Amino acid sequence: MSGYYVQREALYREARAYELFAGNVEQVRDDLRAAFNRDRNTLGDDEYGAELAKKLPEMERGIFDVLAKFIDELEDVALGLNATARNYKAAEPTPPVTRN
C-alpha cells in the first residue's frame, strides 16, 4: 500500500487519553475549589489576612479561568482526534463485492 496510512484505533486511543486527562483535571479543579471554600475564612485577623481576603476572589477567578480553558482545550483535542478517525474511516475504500 502506498501513500499515507492512519491507524484509526490509535487516534481513538489518544482521544480517550485526552478525555481521561480532562476528567482528571476537572477533579483537581473541584478539589481545589473545595479547598478554597473550606479555607477561605481562615486567613487570619491581621493586616496580611485582610489584604489576602481582598485579593483572593480575583486570584481564584484567574486560577479557575485558566483551568476551564485548559479543560476545554483537552476536550477539543479529543473531539478533533475522534473526528479525524471517523473521517479516515469514511474515506477508506470499500472492498469490491464479489458475487458467485
N, C-alpha and C. Protein backbone atom coordinates (compact mmCIF):
# COMPACT_ATOMS: atom_id res chain seq x y z
N MET A 1 0.85 -1.16 0.00
CA MET A 1 0.00 0.00 0.00
C MET A 1 0.90 1.23 0.00
N SER A 2 0.67 2.13 -0.91
CA SER A 2 1.48 3.35 -0.96
C SER A 2 0.68 4.52 -0.41
N GLY A 3 1.37 5.58 -0.07
CA GLY A 3 0.70 6.76 0.44
C GLY A 3 0.69 6.80 1.95
N TYR A 4 -0.19 7.58 2.46
CA TYR A 4 -0.27 7.84 3.89
C TYR A 4 -1.31 6.91 4.51
N TYR A 5 -0.96 6.33 5.63
CA TYR A 5 -1.87 5.42 6.31
C TYR A 5 -2.02 5.83 7.76
N VAL A 6 -3.23 5.84 8.24
CA VAL A 6 -3.52 6.22 9.62
C VAL A 6 -4.16 5.05 10.33
N GLN A 7 -3.69 4.78 11.52
CA GLN A 7 -4.32 3.75 12.34
C GLN A 7 -5.42 4.43 13.16
N ARG A 8 -6.65 4.21 12.71
CA ARG A 8 -7.78 4.85 13.38
C ARG A 8 -7.84 4.51 14.86
N GLU A 9 -7.57 3.27 15.19
CA GLU A 9 -7.65 2.86 16.60
C GLU A 9 -6.66 3.65 17.46
N ALA A 10 -5.52 4.00 16.91
CA ALA A 10 -4.56 4.82 17.66
C ALA A 10 -5.14 6.21 17.90
N LEU A 11 -5.83 6.76 16.92
CA LEU A 11 -6.47 8.07 17.10
C LEU A 11 -7.54 7.99 18.18
N TYR A 12 -8.34 6.93 18.14
CA TYR A 12 -9.38 6.75 19.17
C TYR A 12 -8.75 6.58 20.55
N ARG A 13 -7.65 5.84 20.65
CA ARG A 13 -6.96 5.65 21.93
C ARG A 13 -6.44 6.97 22.47
N GLU A 14 -5.83 7.77 21.60
CA GLU A 14 -5.30 9.06 22.04
C GLU A 14 -6.43 9.99 22.45
N ALA A 15 -7.54 9.95 21.73
CA ALA A 15 -8.70 10.77 22.10
C ALA A 15 -9.17 10.38 23.49
N ARG A 16 -9.23 9.10 23.76
CA ARG A 16 -9.66 8.62 25.08
C ARG A 16 -8.69 9.08 26.17
N ALA A 17 -7.39 9.07 25.86
CA ALA A 17 -6.40 9.53 26.83
C ALA A 17 -6.62 11.01 27.17
N TYR A 18 -6.92 11.82 26.16
CA TYR A 18 -7.21 13.23 26.40
C TYR A 18 -8.50 13.41 27.20
N GLU A 19 -9.49 12.59 26.91
CA GLU A 19 -10.75 12.66 27.68
C GLU A 19 -10.50 12.32 29.15
N LEU A 20 -9.71 11.29 29.39
CA LEU A 20 -9.39 10.91 30.77
C LEU A 20 -8.58 12.00 31.47
N PHE A 21 -7.64 12.58 30.76
CA PHE A 21 -6.83 13.65 31.33
C PHE A 21 -7.71 14.85 31.67
N ALA A 22 -8.63 15.19 30.80
CA ALA A 22 -9.57 16.29 31.08
C ALA A 22 -10.38 15.97 32.33
N GLY A 23 -10.82 14.74 32.48
CA GLY A 23 -11.55 14.34 33.67
C GLY A 23 -10.71 14.45 34.92
N ASN A 24 -9.43 14.10 34.82
CA ASN A 24 -8.53 14.24 35.97
C ASN A 24 -8.34 15.70 36.35
N VAL A 25 -8.18 16.56 35.36
CA VAL A 25 -8.01 17.99 35.63
C VAL A 25 -9.29 18.55 36.24
N GLU A 26 -10.44 18.08 35.78
CA GLU A 26 -11.71 18.52 36.38
C GLU A 26 -11.77 18.14 37.85
N GLN A 27 -11.30 16.94 38.18
CA GLN A 27 -11.29 16.52 39.58
C GLN A 27 -10.35 17.39 40.41
N VAL A 28 -9.18 17.70 39.88
CA VAL A 28 -8.25 18.59 40.57
C VAL A 28 -8.89 19.96 40.78
N ARG A 29 -9.55 20.47 39.74
CA ARG A 29 -10.25 21.77 39.85
C ARG A 29 -11.29 21.72 40.97
N ASP A 30 -12.07 20.65 40.99
CA ASP A 30 -13.12 20.53 42.01
C ASP A 30 -12.52 20.43 43.41
N ASP A 31 -11.43 19.68 43.55
CA ASP A 31 -10.75 19.57 44.84
C ASP A 31 -10.18 20.92 45.28
N LEU A 32 -9.62 21.65 44.34
CA LEU A 32 -9.06 22.96 44.65
C LEU A 32 -10.17 23.93 45.06
N ARG A 33 -11.28 23.89 44.34
CA ARG A 33 -12.41 24.76 44.69
C ARG A 33 -12.90 24.44 46.11
N ALA A 34 -13.00 23.16 46.42
CA ALA A 34 -13.43 22.76 47.76
C ALA A 34 -12.44 23.26 48.82
N ALA A 35 -11.15 23.20 48.53
CA ALA A 35 -10.15 23.68 49.48
C ALA A 35 -10.28 25.18 49.68
N PHE A 36 -10.48 25.92 48.60
CA PHE A 36 -10.68 27.37 48.73
C PHE A 36 -11.93 27.64 49.57
N ASN A 37 -13.00 26.95 49.27
CA ASN A 37 -14.25 27.16 50.02
C ASN A 37 -14.08 26.82 51.50
N ARG A 38 -13.36 25.76 51.78
CA ARG A 38 -13.14 25.32 53.16
C ARG A 38 -12.26 26.30 53.92
N ASP A 39 -11.21 26.79 53.26
CA ASP A 39 -10.18 27.56 53.96
C ASP A 39 -10.29 29.07 53.78
N ARG A 40 -11.25 29.52 53.04
CA ARG A 40 -11.37 30.95 52.74
C ARG A 40 -11.46 31.80 54.01
N ASN A 41 -12.14 31.32 55.00
CA ASN A 41 -12.35 32.11 56.21
C ASN A 41 -11.28 31.92 57.27
N THR A 42 -10.19 31.27 56.91
CA THR A 42 -9.12 31.03 57.89
C THR A 42 -7.87 31.84 57.57
N LEU A 43 -8.07 33.00 56.98
CA LEU A 43 -6.92 33.80 56.53
C LEU A 43 -6.26 34.58 57.66
N GLY A 44 -6.92 34.65 58.77
CA GLY A 44 -6.35 35.37 59.90
C GLY A 44 -6.96 36.75 60.05
N ASP A 45 -6.80 37.30 61.23
CA ASP A 45 -7.40 38.59 61.54
C ASP A 45 -6.38 39.73 61.51
N ASP A 46 -5.26 39.52 60.88
CA ASP A 46 -4.25 40.58 60.82
C ASP A 46 -4.31 41.28 59.47
N GLU A 47 -3.44 42.24 59.26
CA GLU A 47 -3.47 43.02 58.02
C GLU A 47 -3.14 42.15 56.80
N TYR A 48 -2.32 41.13 56.96
CA TYR A 48 -1.99 40.25 55.84
C TYR A 48 -3.20 39.42 55.43
N GLY A 49 -3.90 38.91 56.43
CA GLY A 49 -5.12 38.15 56.15
C GLY A 49 -6.17 39.00 55.48
N ALA A 50 -6.31 40.25 55.94
CA ALA A 50 -7.29 41.17 55.35
C ALA A 50 -6.93 41.49 53.91
N GLU A 51 -5.66 41.71 53.65
CA GLU A 51 -5.22 42.01 52.28
C GLU A 51 -5.43 40.81 51.37
N LEU A 52 -5.09 39.63 51.85
CA LEU A 52 -5.30 38.42 51.06
C LEU A 52 -6.78 38.18 50.81
N ALA A 53 -7.61 38.46 51.80
CA ALA A 53 -9.06 38.28 51.63
C ALA A 53 -9.60 39.18 50.53
N LYS A 54 -9.01 40.38 50.38
CA LYS A 54 -9.44 41.29 49.32
C LYS A 54 -9.02 40.79 47.95
N LYS A 55 -7.84 40.18 47.88
CA LYS A 55 -7.28 39.76 46.59
C LYS A 55 -7.68 38.34 46.20
N LEU A 56 -8.12 37.56 47.15
CA LEU A 56 -8.39 36.15 46.90
C LEU A 56 -9.45 35.91 45.82
N PRO A 57 -10.56 36.65 45.80
CA PRO A 57 -11.55 36.36 44.75
C PRO A 57 -10.99 36.51 43.33
N GLU A 58 -10.19 37.54 43.10
CA GLU A 58 -9.59 37.72 41.77
C GLU A 58 -8.57 36.61 41.48
N MET A 59 -7.80 36.24 42.49
CA MET A 59 -6.83 35.16 42.31
C MET A 59 -7.54 33.85 41.97
N GLU A 60 -8.60 33.55 42.72
CA GLU A 60 -9.37 32.33 42.45
C GLU A 60 -9.94 32.35 41.04
N ARG A 61 -10.53 33.48 40.67
CA ARG A 61 -11.13 33.59 39.34
C ARG A 61 -10.08 33.32 38.25
N GLY A 62 -8.89 33.89 38.43
CA GLY A 62 -7.82 33.67 37.46
C GLY A 62 -7.43 32.20 37.37
N ILE A 63 -7.30 31.55 38.51
CA ILE A 63 -6.93 30.13 38.54
C ILE A 63 -8.00 29.30 37.84
N PHE A 64 -9.26 29.53 38.19
CA PHE A 64 -10.33 28.70 37.64
C PHE A 64 -10.62 29.02 36.18
N ASP A 65 -10.37 30.25 35.76
CA ASP A 65 -10.49 30.57 34.33
C ASP A 65 -9.46 29.81 33.51
N VAL A 66 -8.23 29.78 34.01
CA VAL A 66 -7.17 29.05 33.31
C VAL A 66 -7.47 27.56 33.27
N LEU A 67 -7.93 27.01 34.38
CA LEU A 67 -8.27 25.59 34.41
C LEU A 67 -9.41 25.29 33.44
N ALA A 68 -10.41 26.15 33.36
CA ALA A 68 -11.53 25.94 32.43
C ALA A 68 -11.03 25.94 30.99
N LYS A 69 -10.15 26.88 30.66
CA LYS A 69 -9.59 26.93 29.30
C LYS A 69 -8.78 25.67 29.00
N PHE A 70 -8.01 25.22 29.98
CA PHE A 70 -7.19 24.03 29.78
C PHE A 70 -8.07 22.80 29.55
N ILE A 71 -9.11 22.67 30.35
CA ILE A 71 -10.04 21.54 30.18
C ILE A 71 -10.71 21.61 28.82
N ASP A 72 -11.13 22.80 28.42
CA ASP A 72 -11.74 22.97 27.09
C ASP A 72 -10.78 22.55 25.98
N GLU A 73 -9.52 22.94 26.10
CA GLU A 73 -8.52 22.57 25.09
C GLU A 73 -8.33 21.05 25.03
N LEU A 74 -8.25 20.42 26.19
CA LEU A 74 -8.10 18.96 26.20
C LEU A 74 -9.30 18.29 25.54
N GLU A 75 -10.50 18.77 25.85
CA GLU A 75 -11.71 18.20 25.25
C GLU A 75 -11.76 18.47 23.76
N ASP A 76 -11.30 19.65 23.32
CA ASP A 76 -11.26 19.96 21.89
C ASP A 76 -10.30 19.02 21.15
N VAL A 77 -9.16 18.74 21.75
CA VAL A 77 -8.21 17.80 21.12
C VAL A 77 -8.86 16.42 20.98
N ALA A 78 -9.52 15.97 22.04
CA ALA A 78 -10.19 14.66 21.99
C ALA A 78 -11.25 14.65 20.89
N LEU A 79 -12.06 15.70 20.81
CA LEU A 79 -13.08 15.77 19.76
C LEU A 79 -12.43 15.76 18.38
N GLY A 80 -11.36 16.50 18.22
CA GLY A 80 -10.66 16.53 16.94
C GLY A 80 -10.09 15.18 16.54
N LEU A 81 -9.49 14.49 17.49
CA LEU A 81 -8.95 13.16 17.19
C LEU A 81 -10.05 12.18 16.81
N ASN A 82 -11.16 12.23 17.54
CA ASN A 82 -12.29 11.35 17.19
C ASN A 82 -12.84 11.69 15.81
N ALA A 83 -12.97 12.96 15.50
CA ALA A 83 -13.48 13.38 14.19
C ALA A 83 -12.52 12.94 13.08
N THR A 84 -11.24 13.09 13.32
CA THR A 84 -10.25 12.67 12.33
C THR A 84 -10.33 11.17 12.08
N ALA A 85 -10.47 10.41 13.15
CA ALA A 85 -10.58 8.95 12.99
C ALA A 85 -11.83 8.60 12.18
N ARG A 86 -12.95 9.26 12.46
CA ARG A 86 -14.18 8.99 11.70
C ARG A 86 -14.02 9.40 10.24
N ASN A 87 -13.35 10.52 9.99
CA ASN A 87 -13.14 10.96 8.61
C ASN A 87 -12.27 9.98 7.83
N TYR A 88 -11.22 9.47 8.47
CA TYR A 88 -10.38 8.49 7.80
C TYR A 88 -11.16 7.20 7.52
N LYS A 89 -12.01 6.82 8.45
CA LYS A 89 -12.82 5.63 8.23
C LYS A 89 -13.75 5.84 7.04
N ALA A 90 -14.37 7.00 6.98
CA ALA A 90 -15.30 7.29 5.88
C ALA A 90 -14.58 7.35 4.53
N ALA A 91 -13.31 7.74 4.54
CA ALA A 91 -12.56 7.88 3.29
C ALA A 91 -11.95 6.58 2.81
N GLU A 92 -11.93 5.56 3.65
CA GLU A 92 -11.33 4.30 3.23
C GLU A 92 -12.15 3.67 2.11
N PRO A 93 -11.47 3.17 1.11
CA PRO A 93 -12.22 2.50 0.04
C PRO A 93 -12.84 1.21 0.57
N THR A 94 -14.02 0.94 0.08
CA THR A 94 -14.66 -0.32 0.47
C THR A 94 -14.23 -1.39 -0.52
N PRO A 95 -14.02 -2.58 -0.01
CA PRO A 95 -13.59 -3.65 -0.91
C PRO A 95 -14.73 -3.99 -1.87
N PRO A 96 -14.37 -4.38 -3.08
CA PRO A 96 -15.41 -4.72 -4.05
C PRO A 96 -16.20 -5.95 -3.58
N VAL A 97 -17.46 -5.96 -3.92
CA VAL A 97 -18.33 -7.08 -3.59
C VAL A 97 -18.14 -8.14 -4.66
N THR A 98 -17.89 -9.37 -4.21
CA THR A 98 -17.75 -10.46 -5.16
C THR A 98 -19.03 -11.26 -5.16
N ARG A 99 -19.45 -11.60 -6.35
CA ARG A 99 -20.68 -12.37 -6.49
C ARG A 99 -20.34 -13.72 -7.09
N ASN A 100 -20.99 -14.69 -6.60
CA ASN A 100 -20.75 -16.05 -7.11
C ASN A 100 -21.73 -16.42 -8.16
